[in-house]
C-alpha atoms as a PDB file:
ATOM      1  CA  MET A   1    -131.494 131.756  69.383  1.00  0.00           C
ATOM      2  CA  ILE A   2    -134.464 132.207  66.687  1.00  0.00           C
ATOM      3  CA  MET A   3    -134.839 135.327  65.468  1.00  0.00           C
ATOM      4  CA  ALA A   4    -138.224 137.408  64.519  1.00  0.00           C
ATOM      5  CA  ALA A   5    -139.958 137.680  61.588  1.00  0.00           C
ATOM      6  CA  ALA A   6    -139.750 141.553  60.522  1.00  0.00           C
ATOM      7  CA  PRO A   7    -143.623 142.760  60.133  1.00  0.00           C
ATOM      8  CA  ILE A   8    -145.248 143.125  57.382  1.00  0.00           C
ATOM      9  CA  PRO A   9    -145.360 147.538  56.728  1.00  0.00           C
ATOM     10  CA  THR A  10    -149.169 148.062  56.627  1.00  0.00           C
ATOM     11  CA  ARG A  11    -150.931 149.093  53.542  1.00  0.00           C
ATOM     12  CA  ILE A  12    -152.654 152.256  53.146  1.00  0.00           C
ATOM     13  CA  PRO A  13    -154.492 153.315  49.990  1.00  0.00           C
ATOM     14  CA  SER A  14    -154.785 155.987  48.822  1.00  0.00           C
ATOM     15  CA  GLY A  15    -156.286 155.846  45.131  1.00  0.00           C
ATOM     16  CA  SER A  16    -159.790 156.689  44.834  1.00  0.00           C
ATOM     17  CA  PRO A  17    -163.368 154.126  44.902  1.00  0.00           C
ATOM     18  CA  ILE A  18    -165.309 153.517  41.356  1.00  0.00           C
ATOM     19  CA  THR A  19    -168.471 153.095  40.684  1.00  0.00           C
ATOM     20  CA  ILE A  20    -170.361 151.333  37.825  1.00  0.00           C
ATOM     21  CA  ASP A  21    -173.886 151.613  37.824  1.00  0.00           C
ATOM     22  CA  HIS A  22    -176.256 150.129  34.973  1.00  0.00           C
ATOM     23  CA  LEU A  23    -173.809 151.281  32.439  1.00  0.00           C
ATOM     24  CA  SER A  24    -174.091 150.144  28.597  1.00  0.00           C
ATOM     25  CA  ARG A  25    -171.757 151.375  25.488  1.00  0.00           C
ATOM     26  CA  THR A  26    -173.680 150.321  22.354  1.00  0.00           C
ATOM     27  CA  PHE A  27    -171.529 150.978  19.159  1.00  0.00           C
ATOM     28  CA  THR A  28    -173.766 152.320  16.063  1.00  0.00           C
ATOM     29  CA  THR A  29    -173.223 152.600  12.303  1.00  0.00           C
ATOM     30  CA  GLY A  30    -175.689 153.155   9.823  1.00  0.00           C
ATOM     31  CA  SER A  31    -178.058 150.653  11.204  1.00  0.00           C
ATOM     32  CA  THR A  32    -175.765 148.678  12.617  1.00  0.00           C
ATOM     33  CA  SER A  33    -175.564 147.912  16.231  1.00  0.00           C
ATOM     34  CA  VAL A  34    -173.274 146.027  18.321  1.00  0.00           C
ATOM     35  CA  ALA A  35    -173.575 145.869  21.865  1.00  0.00           C
ATOM     36  CA  ALA A  36    -169.833 146.260  24.133  1.00  0.00           C
ATOM     37  CA  ILE A  37    -171.179 146.636  27.488  1.00  0.00           C
ATOM     38  CA  SER A  38    -174.653 146.024  28.701  1.00  0.00           C
ATOM     39  CA  ASP A  39    -176.069 146.577  32.371  1.00  0.00           C
ATOM     40  CA  MET A  40    -173.432 146.518  34.135  1.00  0.00           C
ATOM     41  CA  HIS A  41    -172.340 146.997  37.757  1.00  0.00           C
ATOM     42  CA  LEU A  42    -169.272 146.893  39.322  1.00  0.00           C
ATOM     43  CA  GLN A  43    -167.817 148.100  42.600  1.00  0.00           C
ATOM     44  CA  ILE A  44    -163.715 148.902  43.489  1.00  0.00           C
ATOM     45  CA  ALA A  45    -162.777 149.618  47.003  1.00  0.00           C
ATOM     46  CA  PRO A  46    -159.661 152.663  47.251  1.00  0.00           C
ATOM     47  CA  GLY A  47    -156.382 150.927  46.334  1.00  0.00           C
ATOM     48  CA  GLU A  48    -157.477 147.850  45.199  1.00  0.00           C
ATOM     49  CA  PHE A  49    -156.065 146.022  42.763  1.00  0.00           C
ATOM     50  CA  VAL A  50    -158.570 144.647  40.288  1.00  0.00           C
ATOM     51  CA  CYS A  51    -157.318 142.494  37.277  1.00  0.00           C
ATOM     52  CA  ILE A  52    -160.449 142.390  34.441  1.00  0.00           C
ATOM     53  CA  VAL A  53    -160.282 138.656  32.101  1.00  0.00           C
ATOM     54  CA  GLY A  54    -162.715 137.812  29.123  1.00  0.00           C
ATOM     55  CA  ALA A  55    -162.481 136.649  25.716  1.00  0.00           C
ATOM     56  CA  SER A  56    -161.577 139.035  22.707  1.00  0.00           C
ATOM     57  CA  GLY A  57    -164.220 142.036  22.035  1.00  0.00           C
ATOM     58  CA  CYS A  58    -165.851 141.158  25.509  1.00  0.00           C
ATOM     59  CA  GLY A  59    -165.321 144.956  26.347  1.00  0.00           C
ATOM     60  CA  LYS A  60    -162.320 145.196  28.491  1.00  0.00           C
ATOM     61  CA  THR A  61    -160.910 148.168  26.769  1.00  0.00           C
ATOM     62  CA  THR A  62    -163.985 149.909  26.001  1.00  0.00           C
ATOM     63  CA  LEU A  63    -164.722 149.889  29.432  1.00  0.00           C
ATOM     64  CA  LEU A  64    -161.359 151.412  30.670  1.00  0.00           C
ATOM     65  CA  ASN A  65    -161.860 154.131  28.023  1.00  0.00           C
ATOM     66  CA  ILE A  66    -165.286 155.111  29.444  1.00  0.00           C
ATOM     67  CA  ILE A  67    -163.136 155.244  32.655  1.00  0.00           C
ATOM     68  CA  ALA A  68    -160.764 157.446  31.399  1.00  0.00           C
ATOM     69  CA  GLY A  69    -162.826 159.744  29.675  1.00  0.00           C
ATOM     70  CA  LEU A  70    -162.093 158.916  26.421  1.00  0.00           C
ATOM     71  CA  ASP A  71    -165.008 157.566  25.448  1.00  0.00           C
ATOM     72  CA  HIS A  72    -168.479 157.661  27.004  1.00  0.00           C
ATOM     73  CA  PRO A  73    -171.089 155.434  27.805  1.00  0.00           C
ATOM     74  CA  THR A  74    -174.964 155.116  25.728  1.00  0.00           C
ATOM     75  CA  SER A  75    -176.349 154.893  29.185  1.00  0.00           C
ATOM     76  CA  GLY A  76    -175.892 154.714  33.742  1.00  0.00           C
ATOM     77  CA  SER A  77    -172.789 156.083  34.936  1.00  0.00           C
ATOM     78  CA  ILE A  78    -169.407 155.486  36.530  1.00  0.00           C
ATOM     79  CA  ASP A  79    -168.299 157.709  39.416  1.00  0.00           C
ATOM     80  CA  THR A  80    -164.182 157.709  40.717  1.00  0.00           C
ATOM     81  CA  GLY A  81    -164.275 160.320  43.159  1.00  0.00           C
ATOM     82  CA  SER A  82    -162.618 163.568  42.998  1.00  0.00           C
ATOM     83  CA  GLY A  83    -159.061 161.563  41.653  1.00  0.00           C
ATOM     84  CA  VAL A  84    -157.107 161.797  38.803  1.00  0.00           C
ATOM     85  CA  VAL A  85    -157.673 158.617  35.808  1.00  0.00           C
ATOM     86  CA  SER A  86    -154.375 157.790  34.579  1.00  0.00           C
ATOM     87  CA  LEU A  87    -154.451 155.309  31.042  1.00  0.00           C
ATOM     88  CA  MET A  88    -151.750 153.038  30.327  1.00  0.00           C
ATOM     89  CA  PHE A  89    -151.540 150.926  27.023  1.00  0.00           C
ATOM     90  CA  GLN A  90    -149.752 148.112  25.786  1.00  0.00           C
ATOM     91  CA  GLU A  91    -147.589 150.108  24.053  1.00  0.00           C
ATOM     92  CA  GLY A  92    -145.515 152.232  25.759  1.00  0.00           C
ATOM     93  CA  ALA A  93    -146.449 155.285  22.983  1.00  0.00           C
ATOM     94  CA  LEU A  94    -143.584 157.395  24.047  1.00  0.00           C
ATOM     95  CA  PHE A  95    -141.766 160.381  22.597  1.00  0.00           C
ATOM     96  CA  PRO A  96    -139.058 158.570  19.889  1.00  0.00           C
ATOM     97  CA  TRP A  97    -137.061 162.078  20.025  1.00  0.00           C
ATOM     98  CA  LEU A  98    -138.032 162.616  23.641  1.00  0.00           C
ATOM     99  CA  SER A  99    -135.729 161.034  26.053  1.00  0.00           C
ATOM    100  CA  ALA A 100    -136.474 158.624  29.215  1.00  0.00           C
ATOM    101  CA  ARG A 101    -136.895 161.479  31.615  1.00  0.00           C
ATOM    102  CA  GLU A 102    -138.046 164.237  29.264  1.00  0.00           C
ATOM    103  CA  ASN A 103    -141.294 162.053  27.995  1.00  0.00           C
ATOM    104  CA  VAL A 104    -141.971 161.639  32.201  1.00  0.00           C
ATOM    105  CA  GLU A 105    -141.327 165.219  31.973  1.00  0.00           C
ATOM    106  CA  LEU A 106    -143.984 166.151  29.342  1.00  0.00           C
ATOM    107  CA  GLY A 107    -146.268 164.145  31.189  1.00  0.00           C
ATOM    108  CA  LEU A 108    -146.138 166.352  34.249  1.00  0.00           C
ATOM    109  CA  ARG A 109    -146.177 169.943  31.977  1.00  0.00           C
ATOM    110  CA  LEU A 110    -149.873 168.293  30.626  1.00  0.00           C
ATOM    111  CA  ALA A 111    -150.207 168.043  34.354  1.00  0.00           C
ATOM    112  CA  GLY A 112    -150.261 171.312  35.537  1.00  0.00           C
ATOM    113  CA  MET A 113    -147.279 171.548  37.177  1.00  0.00           C
ATOM    114  CA  LYS A 114    -145.090 174.320  36.248  1.00  0.00           C
ATOM    115  CA  GLY A 115    -140.950 175.490  36.612  1.00  0.00           C
ATOM    116  CA  ARG A 116    -138.398 173.360  34.901  1.00  0.00           C
ATOM    117  CA  ALA A 117    -136.776 172.489  37.581  1.00  0.00           C
ATOM    118  CA  ASP A 118    -139.549 171.198  39.484  1.00  0.00           C
ATOM    119  CA  ARG A 119    -140.855 168.601  36.273  1.00  0.00           C
ATOM    120  CA  ARG A 120    -137.191 167.561  36.335  1.00  0.00           C
ATOM    121  CA  GLU A 121    -136.835 167.307  39.716  1.00  0.00           C
ATOM    122  CA  ARG A 122    -140.232 165.658  39.672  1.00  0.00           C
ATOM    123  CA  ALA A 123    -139.439 163.260  37.010  1.00  0.00           C
ATOM    124  CA  MET A 124    -136.341 161.789  38.041  1.00  0.00           C
ATOM    125  CA  GLU A 125    -138.046 160.842  41.431  1.00  0.00           C
ATOM    126  CA  LEU A 126    -140.413 158.846  39.281  1.00  0.00           C
ATOM    127  CA  LEU A 127    -137.759 157.337  37.566  1.00  0.00           C
ATOM    128  CA  GLY A 128    -136.524 156.863  40.655  1.00  0.00           C
ATOM    129  CA  LEU A 129    -139.833 154.822  41.813  1.00  0.00           C
ATOM    130  CA  VAL A 130    -140.125 152.538  38.343  1.00  0.00           C
ATOM    131  CA  GLN A 131    -135.906 152.613  38.703  1.00  0.00           C
ATOM    132  CA  LEU A 132    -134.458 153.705  35.377  1.00  0.00           C
ATOM    133  CA  THR A 133    -133.016 156.155  37.728  1.00  0.00           C
ATOM    134  CA  ASP A 134    -129.561 155.504  35.369  1.00  0.00           C
ATOM    135  CA  ALA A 135    -131.266 155.387  32.465  1.00  0.00           C
ATOM    136  CA  ALA A 136    -133.006 158.938  32.625  1.00  0.00           C
ATOM    137  CA  GLU A 137    -131.000 160.350  29.570  1.00  0.00           C
ATOM    138  CA  ARG A 138    -131.640 157.853  26.983  1.00  0.00           C
ATOM    139  CA  HIS A 139    -134.007 157.232  24.219  1.00  0.00           C
ATOM    140  CA  PRO A 140    -136.978 155.015  23.952  1.00  0.00           C
ATOM    141  CA  HIS A 141    -134.892 153.214  21.104  1.00  0.00           C
ATOM    142  CA  GLU A 142    -131.791 152.904  23.289  1.00  0.00           C
ATOM    143  CA  LEU A 143    -134.401 151.455  25.937  1.00  0.00           C
ATOM    144  CA  SER A 144    -135.922 147.231  26.214  1.00  0.00           C
ATOM    145  CA  GLY A 145    -139.307 146.756  25.698  1.00  0.00           C
ATOM    146  CA  GLY A 146    -139.736 146.101  29.546  1.00  0.00           C
ATOM    147  CA  MET A 147    -137.533 149.540  29.730  1.00  0.00           C
ATOM    148  CA  ARG A 148    -139.808 151.350  27.776  1.00  0.00           C
ATOM    149  CA  GLN A 149    -143.345 149.684  29.988  1.00  0.00           C
ATOM    150  CA  ARG A 150    -141.717 151.521  32.554  1.00  0.00           C
ATOM    151  CA  VAL A 151    -141.053 155.341  31.831  1.00  0.00           C
ATOM    152  CA  SER A 152    -144.722 154.552  30.748  1.00  0.00           C
ATOM    153  CA  LEU A 153    -145.026 153.545  33.868  1.00  0.00           C
ATOM    154  CA  ALA A 154    -144.120 156.355  35.506  1.00  0.00           C
ATOM    155  CA  ARG A 155    -145.215 159.304  32.237  1.00  0.00           C
ATOM    156  CA  ALA A 156    -148.997 157.291  33.945  1.00  0.00           C
ATOM    157  CA  LEU A 157    -147.759 158.376  37.310  1.00  0.00           C
ATOM    158  CA  ALA A 158    -147.244 161.520  36.501  1.00  0.00           C
ATOM    159  CA  GLN A 159    -150.270 162.631  36.489  1.00  0.00           C
ATOM    160  CA  ASP A 160    -150.729 162.168  40.796  1.00  0.00           C
ATOM    161  CA  ALA A 161    -153.390 160.004  39.449  1.00  0.00           C
ATOM    162  CA  SER A 162    -155.584 157.315  42.236  1.00  0.00           C
ATOM    163  CA  VAL A 163    -156.392 155.377  39.899  1.00  0.00           C
ATOM    164  CA  LEU A 164    -154.464 153.772  37.522  1.00  0.00           C
ATOM    165  CA  LEU A 165    -156.026 151.976  34.169  1.00  0.00           C
ATOM    166  CA  MET A 166    -154.043 149.454  32.485  1.00  0.00           C
ATOM    167  CA  ASP A 167    -154.384 147.592  29.215  1.00  0.00           C
ATOM    168  CA  GLU A 168    -152.902 144.873  28.778  1.00  0.00           C
ATOM    169  CA  PRO A 169    -149.339 146.199  29.583  1.00  0.00           C
ATOM    170  CA  PHE A 170    -146.770 143.962  29.719  1.00  0.00           C
ATOM    171  CA  GLY A 171    -148.665 141.477  26.855  1.00  0.00           C
ATOM    172  CA  ALA A 172    -146.285 142.352  24.348  1.00  0.00           C
ATOM    173  CA  LEU A 173    -143.217 141.160  26.458  1.00  0.00           C
ATOM    174  CA  ASP A 174    -141.770 137.891  27.271  1.00  0.00           C
ATOM    175  CA  ALA A 175    -142.021 136.109  29.777  1.00  0.00           C
ATOM    176  CA  MET A 176    -138.592 137.245  31.602  1.00  0.00           C
ATOM    177  CA  THR A 177    -139.152 140.568  31.083  1.00  0.00           C
ATOM    178  CA  ARG A 178    -142.770 140.460  32.511  1.00  0.00           C
ATOM    179  CA  ASP A 179    -141.874 138.458  36.044  1.00  0.00           C
ATOM    180  CA  VAL A 180    -140.045 141.398  36.495  1.00  0.00           C
ATOM    181  CA  LEU A 181    -142.673 143.883  35.920  1.00  0.00           C
ATOM    182  CA  HIS A 182    -145.084 142.136  38.045  1.00  0.00           C
ATOM    183  CA  ASP A 183    -142.457 142.609  41.025  1.00  0.00           C
ATOM    184  CA  GLU A 184    -141.918 146.440  40.279  1.00  0.00           C
ATOM    185  CA  LEU A 185    -145.560 146.879  40.128  1.00  0.00           C
ATOM    186  CA  GLU A 186    -146.495 145.360  42.512  1.00  0.00           C
ATOM    187  CA  ARG A 187    -143.847 147.320  44.485  1.00  0.00           C
ATOM    188  CA  ILE A 188    -145.176 150.062  43.087  1.00  0.00           C
ATOM    189  CA  TRP A 189    -149.087 149.759  44.192  1.00  0.00           C
ATOM    190  CA  PHE A 190    -148.093 149.530  47.462  1.00  0.00           C
ATOM    191  CA  GLU A 191    -145.764 151.695  47.931  1.00  0.00           C
ATOM    192  CA  THR A 192    -148.544 154.267  46.164  1.00  0.00           C
ATOM    193  CA  GLY A 193    -152.069 152.849  47.233  1.00  0.00           C
ATOM    194  CA  VAL A 194    -153.109 153.762  44.073  1.00  0.00           C
ATOM    195  CA  THR A 195    -156.586 151.633  42.420  1.00  0.00           C
ATOM    196  CA  ILE A 196    -155.637 149.393  40.250  1.00  0.00           C
ATOM    197  CA  MET A 197    -157.822 148.192  37.219  1.00  0.00           C
ATOM    198  CA  PHE A 198    -155.762 145.815  35.122  1.00  0.00           C
ATOM    199  CA  VAL A 199    -156.509 144.039  32.012  1.00  0.00           C
ATOM    200  CA  THR A 200    -155.184 141.062  31.184  1.00  0.00           C
ATOM    201  CA  HIS A 201    -155.868 138.424  28.736  1.00  0.00           C
ATOM    202  CA  ASN A 202    -153.321 135.766  30.760  1.00  0.00           C
ATOM    203  CA  VAL A 203    -155.189 134.583  33.584  1.00  0.00           C
ATOM    204  CA  ARG A 204    -152.082 133.227  35.501  1.00  0.00           C
ATOM    205  CA  GLU A 205    -150.601 136.634  35.475  1.00  0.00           C
ATOM    206  CA  ALA A 206    -154.175 138.289  36.882  1.00  0.00           C
ATOM    207  CA  ALA A 207    -154.061 135.382  39.653  1.00  0.00           C
ATOM    208  CA  ARG A 208    -150.409 136.669  40.422  1.00  0.00           C
ATOM    209  CA  LEU A 209    -151.458 140.621  40.366  1.00  0.00           C
ATOM    210  CA  GLY A 210    -154.734 140.994  41.228  1.00  0.00           C
ATOM    211  CA  ASP A 211    -156.896 141.292  44.690  1.00  0.00           C
ATOM    212  CA  ARG A 212    -159.829 140.252  43.116  1.00  0.00           C
ATOM    213  CA  ILE A 213    -160.413 138.799  39.356  1.00  0.00           C
ATOM    214  CA  LEU A 214    -163.688 140.198  36.806  1.00  0.00           C
ATOM    215  CA  VAL A 215    -164.416 137.571  34.301  1.00  0.00           C
ATOM    216  CA  LEU A 216    -166.337 139.072  31.911  1.00  0.00           C
ATOM    217  CA  ALA A 217    -168.973 137.951  29.431  1.00  0.00           C
ATOM    218  CA  SER A 218    -168.440 137.701  25.672  1.00  0.00           C
ATOM    219  CA  ARG A 219    -171.098 140.546  23.817  1.00  0.00           C
ATOM    220  CA  PRO A 220    -172.031 141.923  25.526  1.00  0.00           C
ATOM    221  CA  GLY A 221    -169.742 142.657  28.311  1.00  0.00           C
ATOM    222  CA  ARG A 222    -171.007 142.340  31.630  1.00  0.00           C
ATOM    223  CA  VAL A 223    -169.635 140.253  35.326  1.00  0.00           C
ATOM    224  CA  ILE A 224    -170.377 137.407  35.110  1.00  0.00           C
ATOM    225  CA  ALA A 225    -167.492 135.971  37.568  1.00  0.00           C
ATOM    226  CA  GLU A 226    -165.999 137.060  40.613  1.00  0.00           C
ATOM    227  CA  TYR A 227    -162.878 135.620  41.937  1.00  0.00           C
ATOM    228  CA  PRO A 228    -161.112 137.046  45.310  1.00  0.00           C
ATOM    229  CA  VAL A 229    -157.353 136.246  45.260  1.00  0.00           C
ATOM    230  CA  ASP A 230    -157.089 134.866  48.936  1.00  0.00           C
ATOM    231  CA  LEU A 231    -152.959 134.399  48.494  1.00  0.00           C
ATOM    232  CA  ASP A 232    -149.897 136.334  50.769  1.00  0.00           C
ATOM    233  CA  ARG A 233    -148.007 138.506  48.384  1.00  0.00           C
ATOM    234  CA  PRO A 234    -145.207 138.033  47.689  1.00  0.00           C
ATOM    235  CA  ARG A 235    -146.915 135.433  45.033  1.00  0.00           C
ATOM    236  CA  ARG A 236    -144.820 133.388  42.547  1.00  0.00           C
ATOM    237  CA  ILE A 237    -146.617 133.382  38.976  1.00  0.00           C
ATOM    238  CA  GLU A 238    -145.190 129.190  39.178  1.00  0.00           C
ATOM    239  CA  SER A 239    -147.285 129.106  42.618  1.00  0.00           C
ATOM    240  CA  PRO A 240    -149.104 125.807  43.096  1.00  0.00           C
ATOM    241  CA  GLU A 241    -151.595 128.118  44.818  1.00  0.00           C
ATOM    242  CA  VAL A 242    -151.368 130.686  41.566  1.00  0.00           C
ATOM    243  CA  SER A 243    -151.886 127.575  39.011  1.00  0.00           C
ATOM    244  CA  ALA A 244    -155.159 125.982  40.264  1.00  0.00           C
ATOM    245  CA  LEU A 245    -156.576 129.882  40.780  1.00  0.00           C
ATOM    246  CA  ALA A 246    -155.590 130.258  36.840  1.00  0.00           C
ATOM    247  CA  ALA A 247    -157.130 127.354  36.451  1.00  0.00           C
ATOM    248  CA  GLU A 248    -160.586 127.694  37.820  1.00  0.00           C
ATOM    249  CA  VAL A 249    -160.742 131.506  36.281  1.00  0.00           C
ATOM    250  CA  THR A 250    -159.512 129.541  33.265  1.00  0.00           C
ATOM    251  CA  ASP A 251    -162.474 126.889  32.964  1.00  0.00           C
ATOM    252  CA  CYS A 252    -165.088 129.385  33.389  1.00  0.00           C
ATOM    253  CA  LEU A 253    -163.572 131.569  30.501  1.00  0.00           C
ATOM    254  CA  ARG A 254    -163.703 128.034  28.422  1.00  0.00           C
ATOM    255  CA  LYS A 255    -167.452 128.000  29.567  1.00  0.00           C
ATOM    256  CA  GLU A 256    -168.521 131.402  28.698  1.00  0.00           C
ATOM    257  CA  VAL A 257    -166.297 131.127  25.065  1.00  0.00           C
ATOM    258  CA  ARG A 258    -168.626 127.939  24.259  1.00  0.00           C
ATOM    259  CA  ARG A 259    -172.111 129.460  25.654  1.00  0.00           C
ATOM    260  CA  HIS A 260    -171.578 132.433  22.732  1.00  0.00           C
ATOM    261  CA  ALA A 261    -170.312 130.296  20.204  1.00  0.00           C
ATOM    262  CA  ASN A 262    -173.764 128.159  20.553  1.00  0.00           C
ATOM    263  CA  ASP A 263    -176.217 131.283  20.916  1.00  0.00           C
END
């Protein structure tokens, strides 16, 4: 007897849309001005997973900092709706004297959650979401790099963020750990419906994770190419389909680097 395949559950996006309109950011030091971003236009749908790639200095991190409110545009606007925006860096920046649970609880406290018991309960729920319940009382130096990044992710989610900004969060990890965390992030994204903007230098990682890949020009940053990722999930980073898309995006990046070098 042939058994029918189990239906794939419908993902319900709960994240916020992002609208970027005529965004520019220029840094000025004395008489020298450098345009990091120039007249950028971008729309991201609620619950979308967008990966951003580009050469060093193309404004990727500047863009995330502006969306997170850590920097301000020189001109133009960003609208993230009424949702909370959370930023996760490459380095987890966990407090070494706090346990994993306490680091997440701190995020909850900063987000305004009152009541120690409530914070503890919610922190354990979030650690469960990233599959670290058993490591709740361990300190950062007792955790592997991948586990520290999971704690950082739980702390970012502690803010009830509807938009999650991730700046090369897995860049310092080995390939095997990174592959495991790809699966975990995809699962959490599916379960929460959060909108994700994910900056990476790893084009295969972008093709593995994203709904869409945006390629930024070398300075000043602006979107020069967009690649919808029409590949079924779950994906494997070593699959021929992911490799083929990554090769196409890489070719676009090479042309942009050469153009910038010849300017």
